[in-house]
């Protein structure tokens, strides 16, 4: 289990990453590439479409995890 300080530190680093324009651009590029891949798959290619979906879910999971870390840090800081 993380200490209060670790949660706060992780939240600060997560906030820094969320504000990082390069990271945001890279994640956006991955999403755009995925949508391009999706559009180029045949409607019958369920395996290909599922792979694209999983990549999109991965990008979304990174963003959600970072936001959760920021939120958790804010909660911990209010408990002082």
PDB file of N, CA and C in Angstrom:
ATOM      1  N   UNK A   1       0.848  -1.179   0.000  1.00  0.00           N
ATOM      2  CA  UNK A   1       0.000   0.000   0.000  1.00  0.00           C
ATOM      3  C   UNK A   1       0.896   1.244   0.000  1.00  0.00           C
ATOM      4  N   UNK A   2       0.500   2.212  -0.793  1.00  0.00           N
ATOM      5  CA  UNK A   2       1.290   3.442  -0.899  1.00  0.00           C
ATOM      6  C   UNK A   2       1.068   4.348   0.305  1.00  0.00           C
ATOM      7  N   UNK A   3       2.126   5.032   0.664  1.00  0.00           N
ATOM      8  CA  UNK A   3       2.000   6.017   1.729  1.00  0.00           C
ATOM      9  C   UNK A   3       1.306   7.256   1.180  1.00  0.00           C
ATOM     10  N   UNK A   4       0.866   8.097   2.100  1.00  0.00           N
ATOM     11  CA  UNK A   4       0.216   9.345   1.701  1.00  0.00           C
ATOM     12  C   UNK A   4       1.154  10.158   0.818  1.00  0.00           C
ATOM     13  N   UNK A   5       2.418  10.222   1.183  1.00  0.00           N
ATOM     14  CA  UNK A   5       3.390  10.996   0.406  1.00  0.00           C
ATOM     15  C   UNK A   5       3.588  10.408  -0.985  1.00  0.00           C
ATOM     16  N   UNK A   6       3.607   9.090  -1.095  1.00  0.00           N
ATOM     17  CA  UNK A   6       3.746   8.456  -2.409  1.00  0.00           C
ATOM     18  C   UNK A   6       2.550   8.783  -3.301  1.00  0.00           C
ATOM     19  N   UNK A   7       1.358   8.779  -2.721  1.00  0.00           N
ATOM     20  CA  UNK A   7       0.150   9.104  -3.484  1.00  0.00           C
ATOM     21  C   UNK A   7       0.213  10.543  -3.979  1.00  0.00           C
ATOM     22  N   UNK A   8       0.643  11.447  -3.102  1.00  0.00           N
ATOM     23  CA  UNK A   8       0.753  12.864  -3.471  1.00  0.00           C
ATOM     24  C   UNK A   8       1.831  13.037  -4.547  1.00  0.00           C
ATOM     25  N   UNK A   9       2.968  12.390  -4.363  1.00  0.00           N
ATOM     26  CA  UNK A   9       4.051  12.484  -5.354  1.00  0.00           C
ATOM     27  C   UNK A   9       3.612  11.919  -6.704  1.00  0.00           C
ATOM     28  N   UNK A  10       2.953  10.766  -6.678  1.00  0.00           N
ATOM     29  CA  UNK A  10       2.452  10.173  -7.924  1.00  0.00           C
ATOM     30  C   UNK A  10       1.454  11.107  -8.602  1.00  0.00           C
ATOM     31  N   UNK A  11       0.613  11.737  -7.807  1.00  0.00           N
ATOM     32  CA  UNK A  11      -0.363  12.670  -8.363  1.00  0.00           C
ATOM     33  C   UNK A  11       0.296  13.858  -9.031  1.00  0.00           C
ATOM     34  N   UNK A  12       1.344  14.354  -8.420  1.00  0.00           N
ATOM     35  CA  UNK A  12       2.070  15.485  -9.025  1.00  0.00           C
ATOM     36  C   UNK A  12       2.720  15.075 -10.347  1.00  0.00           C
ATOM     37  N   UNK A  13       3.315  13.888 -10.361  1.00  0.00           N
ATOM     38  CA  UNK A  13       3.949  13.412 -11.593  1.00  0.00           C
ATOM     39  C   UNK A  13       2.900  13.123 -12.665  1.00  0.00           C
ATOM     40  N   UNK A  14       1.768  12.560 -12.258  1.00  0.00           N
ATOM     41  CA  UNK A  14       0.688  12.295 -13.206  1.00  0.00           C
ATOM     42  C   UNK A  14       0.153  13.607 -13.786  1.00  0.00           C
ATOM     43  N   UNK A  15       0.028  14.617 -12.947  1.00  0.00           N
ATOM     44  CA  UNK A  15      -0.433  15.926 -13.419  1.00  0.00           C
ATOM     45  C   UNK A  15       0.556  16.505 -14.426  1.00  0.00           C
ATOM     46  N   UNK A  16       1.834  16.357 -14.134  1.00  0.00           N
ATOM     47  CA  UNK A  16       2.871  16.831 -15.052  1.00  0.00           C
ATOM     48  C   UNK A  16       2.745  16.120 -16.400  1.00  0.00           C
ATOM     49  N   UNK A  17       2.514  14.821 -16.355  1.00  0.00           N
ATOM     50  CA  UNK A  17       2.373  14.063 -17.603  1.00  0.00           C
ATOM     51  C   UNK A  17       1.112  14.468 -18.372  1.00  0.00           C
ATOM     52  N   UNK A  18       0.013  14.692 -17.658  1.00  0.00           N
ATOM     53  CA  UNK A  18      -1.217  15.108 -18.329  1.00  0.00           C
ATOM     54  C   UNK A  18      -1.070  16.468 -19.000  1.00  0.00           C
ATOM     55  N   UNK A  19      -0.222  17.318 -18.421  1.00  0.00           N
ATOM     56  CA  UNK A  19       0.000  18.651 -19.007  1.00  0.00           C
ATOM     57  C   UNK A  19       1.101  18.641 -20.063  1.00  0.00           C
ATOM     58  N   UNK A  20       1.806  17.531 -20.196  1.00  0.00           N
ATOM     59  CA  UNK A  20       2.893  17.430 -21.157  1.00  0.00           C
ATOM     60  C   UNK A  20       2.313  17.382 -22.570  1.00  0.00           C
ATOM     61  N   UNK A  21       2.618  18.393 -23.361  1.00  0.00           N
ATOM     62  CA  UNK A  21       2.038  18.470 -24.706  1.00  0.00           C
ATOM     63  C   UNK A  21       2.541  17.352 -25.619  1.00  0.00           C
ATOM     64  N   UNK A  22       3.771  16.910 -25.403  1.00  0.00           N
ATOM     65  CA  UNK A  22       4.296  15.812 -26.223  1.00  0.00           C
ATOM     66  C   UNK A  22       3.545  14.518 -25.936  1.00  0.00           C
ATOM     67  N   UNK A  23       3.349  14.197 -24.664  1.00  0.00           N
ATOM     68  CA  UNK A  23       2.620  12.984 -24.326  1.00  0.00           C
ATOM     69  C   UNK A  23       1.201  13.043 -24.881  1.00  0.00           C
ATOM     70  N   UNK A  24       0.543  14.168 -24.716  1.00  0.00           N
ATOM     71  CA  UNK A  24      -0.819  14.319 -25.245  1.00  0.00           C
ATOM     72  C   UNK A  24      -0.833  14.110 -26.755  1.00  0.00           C
ATOM     73  N   UNK A  25       0.147  14.671 -27.440  1.00  0.00           N
ATOM     74  CA  UNK A  25       0.234  14.526 -28.890  1.00  0.00           C
ATOM     75  C   UNK A  25       0.474  13.068 -29.279  1.00  0.00           C
ATOM     76  N   UNK A  26       1.366  12.384 -28.552  1.00  0.00           N
ATOM     77  CA  UNK A  26       1.651  10.985 -28.846  1.00  0.00           C
ATOM     78  C   UNK A  26       0.397  10.118 -28.661  1.00  0.00           C
ATOM     79  N   UNK A  27      -0.325  10.346 -27.577  1.00  0.00           N
ATOM     80  CA  UNK A  27      -1.538   9.578 -27.332  1.00  0.00           C
ATOM     81  C   UNK A  27      -2.589   9.875 -28.396  1.00  0.00           C
ATOM     82  N   UNK A  28      -2.710  11.146 -28.774  1.00  0.00           N
ATOM     83  CA  UNK A  28      -3.645  11.515 -29.842  1.00  0.00           C
ATOM     84  C   UNK A  28      -3.264  10.849 -31.161  1.00  0.00           C
ATOM     85  N   UNK A  29      -1.961  10.802 -31.449  1.00  0.00           N
ATOM     86  CA  UNK A  29      -1.499  10.162 -32.683  1.00  0.00           C
ATOM     87  C   UNK A  29      -1.809   8.668 -32.686  1.00  0.00           C
ATOM     88  N   UNK A  30      -1.641   8.030 -31.544  1.00  0.00           N
ATOM     89  CA  UNK A  30      -1.971   6.605 -31.437  1.00  0.00           C
ATOM     90  C   UNK A  30      -3.458   6.406 -31.706  1.00  0.00           C
ATOM     91  N   UNK A  31      -4.298   7.259 -31.113  1.00  0.00           N
ATOM     92  CA  UNK A  31      -5.740   7.160 -31.350  1.00  0.00           C
ATOM     93  C   UNK A  31      -6.084   7.352 -32.824  1.00  0.00           C
ATOM     94  N   UNK A  32      -5.483   8.348 -33.445  1.00  0.00           N
ATOM     95  CA  UNK A  32      -5.753   8.602 -34.858  1.00  0.00           C
ATOM     96  C   UNK A  32      -5.325   7.411 -35.717  1.00  0.00           C
ATOM     97  N   UNK A  33      -4.171   6.851 -35.397  1.00  0.00           N
ATOM     98  CA  UNK A  33      -3.694   5.676 -36.122  1.00  0.00           C
ATOM     99  C   UNK A  33      -4.669   4.509 -35.956  1.00  0.00           C
ATOM    100  N   UNK A  34      -5.170   4.339 -34.744  1.00  0.00           N
ATOM    101  CA  UNK A  34      -6.126   3.261 -34.486  1.00  0.00           C
ATOM    102  C   UNK A  34      -7.392   3.442 -35.310  1.00  0.00           C
ATOM    103  N   UNK A  35      -7.902   4.670 -35.359  1.00  0.00           N
ATOM    104  CA  UNK A  35      -9.119   4.904 -36.140  1.00  0.00           C
ATOM    105  C   UNK A  35      -8.854   4.679 -37.628  1.00  0.00           C
ATOM    106  N   UNK A  36      -7.676   5.026 -38.098  1.00  0.00           N
ATOM    107  CA  UNK A  36      -7.309   4.743 -39.475  1.00  0.00           C
ATOM    108  C   UNK A  36      -7.264   3.246 -39.730  1.00  0.00           C
ATOM    109  N   UNK A  37      -6.676   2.511 -38.785  1.00  0.00           N
ATOM    110  CA  UNK A  37      -6.625   1.050 -38.897  1.00  0.00           C
ATOM    111  C   UNK A  37      -8.034   0.467 -38.892  1.00  0.00           C
ATOM    112  N   UNK A  38      -8.881   0.996 -38.030  1.00  0.00           N
ATOM    113  CA  UNK A  38     -10.256   0.504 -37.931  1.00  0.00           C
ATOM    114  C   UNK A  38     -11.002   0.708 -39.250  1.00  0.00           C
ATOM    115  N   UNK A  39     -10.843   1.884 -39.834  1.00  0.00           N
ATOM    116  CA  UNK A  39     -11.530   2.183 -41.089  1.00  0.00           C
ATOM    117  C   UNK A  39     -11.051   1.299 -42.233  1.00  0.00           C
ATOM    118  N   UNK A  40      -9.821   0.836 -42.141  1.00  0.00           N
ATOM    119  CA  UNK A  40      -9.275   0.019 -43.224  1.00  0.00           C
ATOM    120  C   UNK A  40      -9.557  -1.470 -43.044  1.00  0.00           C
ATOM    121  N   UNK A  41     -10.150  -1.861 -41.923  1.00  0.00           N
ATOM    122  CA  UNK A  41     -10.466  -3.274 -41.726  1.00  0.00           C
ATOM    123  C   UNK A  41     -11.803  -3.604 -42.386  1.00  0.00           C
ATOM    124  N   UNK A  42     -11.920  -4.806 -42.825  1.00  0.00           N
ATOM    125  CA  UNK A  42     -13.191  -5.278 -43.379  1.00  0.00           C
ATOM    126  C   UNK A  42     -14.189  -5.469 -42.240  1.00  0.00           C
ATOM    127  N   UNK A  43     -15.450  -5.267 -42.537  1.00  0.00           N
ATOM    128  CA  UNK A  43     -16.467  -5.433 -41.492  1.00  0.00           C
ATOM    129  C   UNK A  43     -16.474  -6.848 -40.931  1.00  0.00           C
ATOM    130  N   UNK A  44     -15.994  -7.794 -41.704  1.00  0.00           N
ATOM    131  CA  UNK A  44     -15.944  -9.189 -41.244  1.00  0.00           C
ATOM    132  C   UNK A  44     -14.683  -9.507 -40.436  1.00  0.00           C
ATOM    133  N   UNK A  45     -13.747  -8.566 -40.369  1.00  0.00           N
ATOM    134  CA  UNK A  45     -12.471  -8.793 -39.669  1.00  0.00           C
ATOM    135  C   UNK A  45     -12.621  -8.482 -38.180  1.00  0.00           C
ATOM    136  N   UNK A  46     -13.298  -9.364 -37.488  1.00  0.00           N
ATOM    137  CA  UNK A  46     -13.550  -9.112 -36.065  1.00  0.00           C
ATOM    138  C   UNK A  46     -12.260  -9.132 -35.240  1.00  0.00           C
ATOM    139  N   UNK A  47     -11.301  -9.981 -35.607  1.00  0.00           N
ATOM    140  CA  UNK A  47     -10.033 -10.019 -34.868  1.00  0.00           C
ATOM    141  C   UNK A  47      -9.272  -8.708 -35.032  1.00  0.00           C
ATOM    142  N   UNK A  48      -9.217  -8.192 -36.257  1.00  0.00           N
ATOM    143  CA  UNK A  48      -8.534  -6.926 -36.507  1.00  0.00           C
ATOM    144  C   UNK A  48      -9.202  -5.776 -35.790  1.00  0.00           C
ATOM    145  N   UNK A  49     -10.520  -5.749 -35.825  1.00  0.00           N
ATOM    146  CA  UNK A  49     -11.252  -4.679 -35.148  1.00  0.00           C
ATOM    147  C   UNK A  49     -11.113  -4.776 -33.629  1.00  0.00           C
ATOM    148  N   UNK A  50     -11.076  -5.987 -33.131  1.00  0.00           N
ATOM    149  CA  UNK A  50     -10.896  -6.177 -31.699  1.00  0.00           C
ATOM    150  C   UNK A  50      -9.510  -5.694 -31.265  1.00  0.00           C
ATOM    151  N   UNK A  51      -8.496  -5.947 -32.075  1.00  0.00           N
ATOM    152  CA  UNK A  51      -7.139  -5.486 -31.761  1.00  0.00           C
ATOM    153  C   UNK A  51      -7.084  -3.962 -31.714  1.00  0.00           C
ATOM    154  N   UNK A  52      -7.752  -3.315 -32.670  1.00  0.00           N
ATOM    155  CA  UNK A  52      -7.802  -1.843 -32.671  1.00  0.00           C
ATOM    156  C   UNK A  52      -8.526  -1.347 -31.422  1.00  0.00           C
ATOM    157  N   UNK A  53      -9.627  -1.984 -31.102  1.00  0.00           N
ATOM    158  CA  UNK A  53     -10.400  -1.603 -29.915  1.00  0.00           C
ATOM    159  C   UNK A  53      -9.536  -1.703 -28.649  1.00  0.00           C
ATOM    160  N   UNK A  54      -8.759  -2.761 -28.549  1.00  0.00           N
ATOM    161  CA  UNK A  54      -7.912  -2.942 -27.368  1.00  0.00           C
ATOM    162  C   UNK A  54      -6.836  -1.858 -27.289  1.00  0.00           C
ATOM    163  N   UNK A  55      -6.284  -1.450 -28.416  1.00  0.00           N
ATOM    164  CA  UNK A  55      -5.309  -0.350 -28.414  1.00  0.00           C
ATOM    165  C   UNK A  55      -5.967   0.938 -27.935  1.00  0.00           C
ATOM    166  N   UNK A  56      -7.172   1.204 -28.443  1.00  0.00           N
ATOM    167  CA  UNK A  56      -7.891   2.404 -28.018  1.00  0.00           C
ATOM    168  C   UNK A  56      -8.188   2.364 -26.522  1.00  0.00           C
ATOM    169  N   UNK A  57      -8.553   1.195 -26.037  1.00  0.00           N
ATOM    170  CA  UNK A  57      -8.809   1.044 -24.607  1.00  0.00           C
ATOM    171  C   UNK A  57      -7.533   1.272 -23.795  1.00  0.00           C
ATOM    172  N   UNK A  58      -6.402   0.842 -24.337  1.00  0.00           N
ATOM    173  CA  UNK A  58      -5.125   1.062 -23.654  1.00  0.00           C
ATOM    174  C   UNK A  58      -4.792   2.536 -23.519  1.00  0.00           C
ATOM    175  N   UNK A  59      -4.983   3.287 -24.592  1.00  0.00           N
ATOM    176  CA  UNK A  59      -4.729   4.735 -24.545  1.00  0.00           C
ATOM    177  C   UNK A  59      -5.657   5.383 -23.521  1.00  0.00           C
ATOM    178  N   UNK A  60      -6.922   4.990 -23.552  1.00  0.00           N
ATOM    179  CA  UNK A  60      -7.889   5.546 -22.610  1.00  0.00           C
ATOM    180  C   UNK A  60      -7.526   5.172 -21.172  1.00  0.00           C
ATOM    181  N   UNK A  61      -7.046   3.957 -20.978  1.00  0.00           N
ATOM    182  CA  UNK A  61      -6.656   3.512 -19.637  1.00  0.00           C
ATOM    183  C   UNK A  61      -5.494   4.330 -19.089  1.00  0.00           C
ATOM    184  N   UNK A  62      -4.545   4.686 -19.943  1.00  0.00           N
ATOM    185  CA  UNK A  62      -3.424   5.526 -19.506  1.00  0.00           C
ATOM    186  C   UNK A  62      -3.960   6.874 -19.021  1.00  0.00           C
ATOM    187  N   UNK A  63      -4.813   7.485 -19.822  1.00  0.00           N
ATOM    188  CA  UNK A  63      -5.365   8.795 -19.440  1.00  0.00           C
ATOM    189  C   UNK A  63      -6.185   8.707 -18.154  1.00  0.00           C
ATOM    190  N   UNK A  64      -7.026   7.678 -18.043  1.00  0.00           N
ATOM    191  CA  UNK A  64      -7.851   7.519 -16.833  1.00  0.00           C
ATOM    192  C   UNK A  64      -6.989   7.278 -15.604  1.00  0.00           C
ATOM    193  N   UNK A  65      -5.951   6.469 -15.752  1.00  0.00           N
ATOM    194  CA  UNK A  65      -5.073   6.182 -14.609  1.00  0.00           C
ATOM    195  C   UNK A  65      -4.369   7.444 -14.126  1.00  0.00           C
ATOM    196  N   UNK A  66      -3.878   8.243 -15.071  1.00  0.00           N
ATOM    197  CA  UNK A  66      -3.208   9.479 -14.688  1.00  0.00           C
ATOM    198  C   UNK A  66      -4.179  10.431 -13.987  1.00  0.00           C
ATOM    199  N   UNK A  67      -5.399  10.550 -14.521  1.00  0.00           N
ATOM    200  CA  UNK A  67      -6.395  11.430 -13.884  1.00  0.00           C
ATOM    201  C   UNK A  67      -6.754  10.930 -12.490  1.00  0.00           C
ATOM    202  N   UNK A  68      -6.856   9.611 -12.335  1.00  0.00           N
ATOM    203  CA  UNK A  68      -7.167   9.032 -11.027  1.00  0.00           C
ATOM    204  C   UNK A  68      -6.062   9.339 -10.027  1.00  0.00           C
ATOM    205  N   UNK A  69      -4.807   9.270 -10.474  1.00  0.00           N
ATOM    206  CA  UNK A  69      -3.686   9.589  -9.581  1.00  0.00           C
ATOM    207  C   UNK A  69      -3.750  11.050  -9.139  1.00  0.00           C
ATOM    208  N   UNK A  70      -4.083  11.933 -10.068  1.00  0.00           N
ATOM    209  CA  UNK A  70      -4.219  13.356  -9.730  1.00  0.00           C
ATOM    210  C   UNK A  70      -5.344  13.534  -8.713  1.00  0.00           C
ATOM    211  N   UNK A  71      -6.475  12.891  -8.955  1.00  0.00           N
ATOM    212  CA  UNK A  71      -7.618  12.989  -8.041  1.00  0.00           C
ATOM    213  C   UNK A  71      -7.293  12.423  -6.667  1.00  0.00           C
ATOM    214  N   UNK A  72      -6.623  11.274  -6.644  1.00  0.00           N
ATOM    215  CA  UNK A  72      -6.252  10.661  -5.365  1.00  0.00           C
ATOM    216  C   UNK A  72      -5.310  11.555  -4.573  1.00  0.00           C
ATOM    217  N   UNK A  73      -4.392  12.198  -5.272  1.00  0.00           N
ATOM    218  CA  UNK A  73      -3.461  13.110  -4.591  1.00  0.00           C
ATOM    219  C   UNK A  73      -4.225  14.299  -4.018  1.00  0.00           C
ATOM    220  N   UNK A  74      -5.176  14.823  -4.763  1.00  0.00           N
ATOM    221  CA  UNK A  74      -5.966  15.963  -4.276  1.00  0.00           C
ATOM    222  C   UNK A  74      -6.740  15.568  -3.015  1.00  0.00           C
ATOM    223  N   UNK A  75      -7.276  14.364  -2.991  1.00  0.00           N
ATOM    224  CA  UNK A  75      -7.998  13.886  -1.812  1.00  0.00           C
ATOM    225  C   UNK A  75      -7.053  13.770  -0.637  1.00  0.00           C
ATOM    226  N   UNK A  76      -5.880  13.182  -0.859  1.00  0.00           N
ATOM    227  CA  UNK A  76      -4.900  13.030   0.222  1.00  0.00           C
ATOM    228  C   UNK A  76      -4.436  14.375   0.758  1.00  0.00           C
ATOM    229  N   UNK A  77      -4.237  15.337  -0.136  1.00  0.00           N
ATOM    230  CA  UNK A  77      -3.775  16.641   0.309  1.00  0.00           C
ATOM    231  C   UNK A  77      -4.836  17.367   1.145  1.00  0.00           C
ATOM    232  N   UNK A  78      -6.106  17.110   0.874  1.00  0.00           N
ATOM    233  CA  UNK A  78      -7.185  17.722   1.650  1.00  0.00           C
ATOM    234  C   UNK A  78      -7.299  17.110   3.037  1.00  0.00           C
ATOM    235  N   UNK A  79      -6.766  15.902   3.221  1.00  0.00           N
ATOM    236  CA  UNK A  79      -6.842  15.216   4.511  1.00  0.00           C
ATOM    237  C   UNK A  79      -5.825  15.730   5.514  1.00  0.00           C
ATOM    238  N   UNK A  80      -4.964  16.639   5.121  1.00  0.00           N
ATOM    239  CA  UNK A  80      -3.901  17.125   6.027  1.00  0.00           C
ATOM    240  C   UNK A  80      -4.457  17.754   7.279  1.00  0.00           C
TER     241      UNK A  80
END
